[in-house]
Amino acid sequence: MNPIIYLLIAIDVVCAIGLIVFVLLHSGKGTGLSSMFGGISSAASGTSIIEKNLDRITIGLATGWALSSVLLMMFYRPA
């Protein structure tokens, strides 16, 4: 098998596991990671810096997972 396939599979698995972990860290209806660490809120939007960074990481992992999945569909050819 091509080494690029192994790299894509590794990226896909890491992104999938990270995505599961970071989705579970999100808050639901006023509870979650931000309130666990003291709930440092910003006045503008009502969400904390921790929650905003958590959103960015989750979006990045989801994008990485989707991109690696599409690339795997394009390049993987079973024997």
N, C-alpha and C. Protein backbone atom coordinates (compact mmCIF):
# COMPACT_ATOMS: atom_id res chain seq x y z
N MET A 1 0.84 -1.17 0.00
CA MET A 1 0.00 0.00 0.00
C MET A 1 0.90 1.24 0.00
N ASN A 2 0.42 2.28 -0.60
CA ASN A 2 1.12 3.54 -0.73
C ASN A 2 1.30 4.20 0.66
N PRO A 3 2.46 4.78 0.95
CA PRO A 3 2.66 5.43 2.25
C PRO A 3 1.72 6.60 2.50
N ILE A 4 1.25 7.25 1.45
CA ILE A 4 0.31 8.35 1.62
C ILE A 4 -1.01 7.84 2.21
N ILE A 5 -1.37 6.61 1.88
CA ILE A 5 -2.60 6.03 2.43
C ILE A 5 -2.46 5.84 3.94
N TYR A 6 -1.30 5.36 4.38
CA TYR A 6 -1.08 5.20 5.82
C TYR A 6 -1.14 6.54 6.54
N LEU A 7 -0.58 7.56 5.94
CA LEU A 7 -0.62 8.89 6.53
C LEU A 7 -2.05 9.41 6.61
N LEU A 8 -2.82 9.22 5.54
CA LEU A 8 -4.21 9.67 5.54
C LEU A 8 -5.06 8.91 6.56
N ILE A 9 -4.81 7.62 6.70
CA ILE A 9 -5.54 6.84 7.69
C ILE A 9 -5.21 7.31 9.10
N ALA A 10 -3.93 7.60 9.35
CA ALA A 10 -3.52 8.09 10.67
C ALA A 10 -4.16 9.44 10.98
N ILE A 11 -4.16 10.34 10.00
CA ILE A 11 -4.79 11.65 10.19
C ILE A 11 -6.28 11.49 10.43
N ASP A 12 -6.92 10.61 9.69
CA ASP A 12 -8.35 10.37 9.83
C ASP A 12 -8.70 9.85 11.22
N VAL A 13 -7.91 8.90 11.72
CA VAL A 13 -8.18 8.33 13.04
C VAL A 13 -7.94 9.35 14.15
N VAL A 14 -6.85 10.10 14.05
CA VAL A 14 -6.55 11.11 15.08
C VAL A 14 -7.63 12.19 15.09
N CYS A 15 -8.04 12.65 13.92
CA CYS A 15 -9.09 13.65 13.86
C CYS A 15 -10.42 13.12 14.39
N ALA A 16 -10.74 11.88 14.08
CA ALA A 16 -12.00 11.30 14.55
C ALA A 16 -12.03 11.18 16.07
N ILE A 17 -10.94 10.71 16.66
CA ILE A 17 -10.88 10.58 18.12
C ILE A 17 -10.89 11.96 18.78
N GLY A 18 -10.12 12.89 18.20
CA GLY A 18 -10.12 14.26 18.74
C GLY A 18 -11.48 14.91 18.63
N LEU A 19 -12.16 14.66 17.53
CA LEU A 19 -13.49 15.23 17.34
C LEU A 19 -14.48 14.71 18.38
N ILE A 20 -14.41 13.43 18.67
CA ILE A 20 -15.27 12.86 19.70
C ILE A 20 -15.01 13.51 21.05
N VAL A 21 -13.73 13.65 21.40
CA VAL A 21 -13.37 14.23 22.69
C VAL A 21 -13.82 15.69 22.78
N PHE A 22 -13.55 16.48 21.74
CA PHE A 22 -13.87 17.90 21.81
C PHE A 22 -15.36 18.18 21.71
N VAL A 23 -16.12 17.34 21.02
CA VAL A 23 -17.57 17.51 21.01
C VAL A 23 -18.14 17.23 22.40
N LEU A 24 -17.58 16.22 23.08
CA LEU A 24 -18.06 15.92 24.42
C LEU A 24 -17.69 16.99 25.43
N LEU A 25 -16.66 17.79 25.15
CA LEU A 25 -16.28 18.87 26.05
C LEU A 25 -17.17 20.10 25.92
N HIS A 26 -17.96 20.19 24.85
CA HIS A 26 -18.81 21.36 24.66
C HIS A 26 -19.89 21.43 25.73
N SER A 27 -20.30 22.66 25.99
CA SER A 27 -21.32 22.87 27.02
C SER A 27 -22.71 22.67 26.43
N GLY A 28 -23.62 22.37 27.31
CA GLY A 28 -25.01 22.24 26.93
C GLY A 28 -25.87 23.01 27.90
N LYS A 29 -26.52 24.06 27.44
CA LYS A 29 -27.44 24.86 28.24
C LYS A 29 -26.81 25.41 29.52
N GLY A 30 -25.70 26.09 29.39
CA GLY A 30 -25.10 26.78 30.54
C GLY A 30 -24.16 25.95 31.38
N THR A 31 -23.88 24.72 31.00
CA THR A 31 -22.93 23.92 31.75
C THR A 31 -21.84 23.46 30.80
N GLY A 32 -20.77 22.99 31.33
CA GLY A 32 -19.72 22.46 30.48
C GLY A 32 -18.36 22.97 30.87
N LEU A 33 -17.48 23.03 29.92
CA LEU A 33 -16.08 23.36 30.16
C LEU A 33 -15.91 24.75 30.73
N SER A 34 -16.65 25.73 30.25
CA SER A 34 -16.47 27.10 30.72
C SER A 34 -16.90 27.24 32.18
N SER A 35 -17.98 26.64 32.58
CA SER A 35 -18.40 26.75 33.96
C SER A 35 -17.57 25.87 34.89
N MET A 36 -16.93 24.84 34.34
CA MET A 36 -16.06 24.00 35.15
C MET A 36 -14.82 24.77 35.58
N PHE A 37 -14.35 25.69 34.74
CA PHE A 37 -13.15 26.46 35.05
C PHE A 37 -13.48 27.84 35.59
N GLY A 38 -14.64 28.07 36.11
CA GLY A 38 -14.96 29.33 36.75
C GLY A 38 -15.83 30.26 35.92
N GLY A 39 -16.09 29.93 34.70
CA GLY A 39 -17.01 30.72 33.88
C GLY A 39 -16.56 32.13 33.61
N ILE A 40 -15.34 32.31 33.12
CA ILE A 40 -14.85 33.63 32.76
C ILE A 40 -15.59 34.06 31.49
N SER A 41 -16.50 35.01 31.61
CA SER A 41 -17.36 35.37 30.49
C SER A 41 -16.90 36.66 29.84
N SER A 42 -17.06 36.75 28.55
CA SER A 42 -16.84 38.02 27.87
C SER A 42 -18.17 38.76 27.81
N ALA A 43 -18.13 40.06 27.94
CA ALA A 43 -19.36 40.84 28.01
C ALA A 43 -20.08 40.92 26.68
N ALA A 44 -19.38 40.79 25.58
CA ALA A 44 -19.98 41.00 24.27
C ALA A 44 -20.93 39.88 23.88
N SER A 45 -20.50 38.64 23.99
CA SER A 45 -21.32 37.56 23.46
C SER A 45 -21.82 36.59 24.51
N GLY A 46 -21.32 36.66 25.71
CA GLY A 46 -21.77 35.77 26.75
C GLY A 46 -21.06 34.43 26.78
N THR A 47 -20.11 34.22 25.88
CA THR A 47 -19.35 32.98 25.91
C THR A 47 -17.92 33.29 26.29
N SER A 48 -17.27 32.33 26.87
CA SER A 48 -15.91 32.56 27.34
C SER A 48 -14.89 32.33 26.23
N ILE A 49 -13.69 32.75 26.51
CA ILE A 49 -12.59 32.55 25.57
C ILE A 49 -12.33 31.06 25.41
N ILE A 50 -12.49 30.31 26.49
CA ILE A 50 -12.29 28.86 26.43
C ILE A 50 -13.28 28.22 25.47
N GLU A 51 -14.53 28.63 25.53
CA GLU A 51 -15.55 28.07 24.64
C GLU A 51 -15.29 28.45 23.19
N LYS A 52 -14.83 29.68 22.96
CA LYS A 52 -14.53 30.09 21.58
C LYS A 52 -13.37 29.27 21.01
N ASN A 53 -12.34 29.06 21.82
CA ASN A 53 -11.22 28.24 21.36
C ASN A 53 -11.64 26.79 21.17
N LEU A 54 -12.52 26.31 22.03
CA LEU A 54 -13.05 24.95 21.88
C LEU A 54 -13.82 24.80 20.57
N ASP A 55 -14.58 25.83 20.22
CA ASP A 55 -15.30 25.83 18.94
C ASP A 55 -14.32 25.79 17.77
N ARG A 56 -13.27 26.60 17.84
CA ARG A 56 -12.29 26.65 16.75
C ARG A 56 -11.58 25.31 16.59
N ILE A 57 -11.20 24.70 17.70
CA ILE A 57 -10.52 23.40 17.63
C ILE A 57 -11.45 22.35 17.05
N THR A 58 -12.71 22.35 17.47
CA THR A 58 -13.68 21.38 16.97
C THR A 58 -13.92 21.56 15.47
N ILE A 59 -14.03 22.79 15.01
CA ILE A 59 -14.22 23.05 13.59
C ILE A 59 -12.99 22.61 12.80
N GLY A 60 -11.81 22.86 13.34
CA GLY A 60 -10.58 22.43 12.68
C GLY A 60 -10.48 20.92 12.57
N LEU A 61 -10.83 20.22 13.65
CA LEU A 61 -10.80 18.76 13.62
C LEU A 61 -11.84 18.20 12.65
N ALA A 62 -13.02 18.81 12.62
CA ALA A 62 -14.06 18.35 11.70
C ALA A 62 -13.64 18.57 10.25
N THR A 63 -13.01 19.70 9.97
CA THR A 63 -12.52 19.97 8.62
C THR A 63 -11.42 19.00 8.23
N GLY A 64 -10.49 18.75 9.15
CA GLY A 64 -9.41 17.80 8.89
C GLY A 64 -9.92 16.39 8.65
N TRP A 65 -10.92 15.99 9.45
CA TRP A 65 -11.50 14.66 9.29
C TRP A 65 -12.21 14.54 7.94
N ALA A 66 -13.00 15.56 7.59
CA ALA A 66 -13.73 15.51 6.32
C ALA A 66 -12.77 15.50 5.13
N LEU A 67 -11.75 16.34 5.20
CA LEU A 67 -10.78 16.39 4.10
C LEU A 67 -10.01 15.08 3.96
N SER A 68 -9.58 14.51 5.09
CA SER A 68 -8.85 13.24 5.01
C SER A 68 -9.75 12.10 4.54
N SER A 69 -11.02 12.15 4.89
CA SER A 69 -11.95 11.13 4.42
C SER A 69 -12.17 11.21 2.92
N VAL A 70 -12.30 12.43 2.41
CA VAL A 70 -12.46 12.61 0.96
C VAL A 70 -11.21 12.17 0.22
N LEU A 71 -10.04 12.53 0.75
CA LEU A 71 -8.79 12.12 0.11
C LEU A 71 -8.62 10.61 0.15
N LEU A 72 -9.04 9.97 1.24
CA LEU A 72 -8.98 8.51 1.30
C LEU A 72 -9.89 7.88 0.25
N MET A 73 -11.07 8.46 0.05
CA MET A 73 -11.97 7.94 -0.98
C MET A 73 -11.35 8.06 -2.37
N MET A 74 -10.59 9.14 -2.58
CA MET A 74 -9.99 9.35 -3.90
C MET A 74 -8.77 8.46 -4.14
N PHE A 75 -7.93 8.27 -3.13
CA PHE A 75 -6.65 7.60 -3.33
C PHE A 75 -6.63 6.12 -2.98
N TYR A 76 -7.52 5.66 -2.11
CA TYR A 76 -7.45 4.26 -1.65
C TYR A 76 -8.02 3.34 -2.71
N ARG A 77 -7.22 2.39 -3.12
CA ARG A 77 -7.64 1.38 -4.08
C ARG A 77 -7.39 0.01 -3.47
N PRO A 78 -8.43 -0.70 -3.03
CA PRO A 78 -8.20 -2.03 -2.43
C PRO A 78 -7.66 -3.02 -3.47
N ALA A 79 -6.87 -3.95 -2.96
CA ALA A 79 -6.21 -4.92 -3.86
C ALA A 79 -7.16 -5.98 -4.35
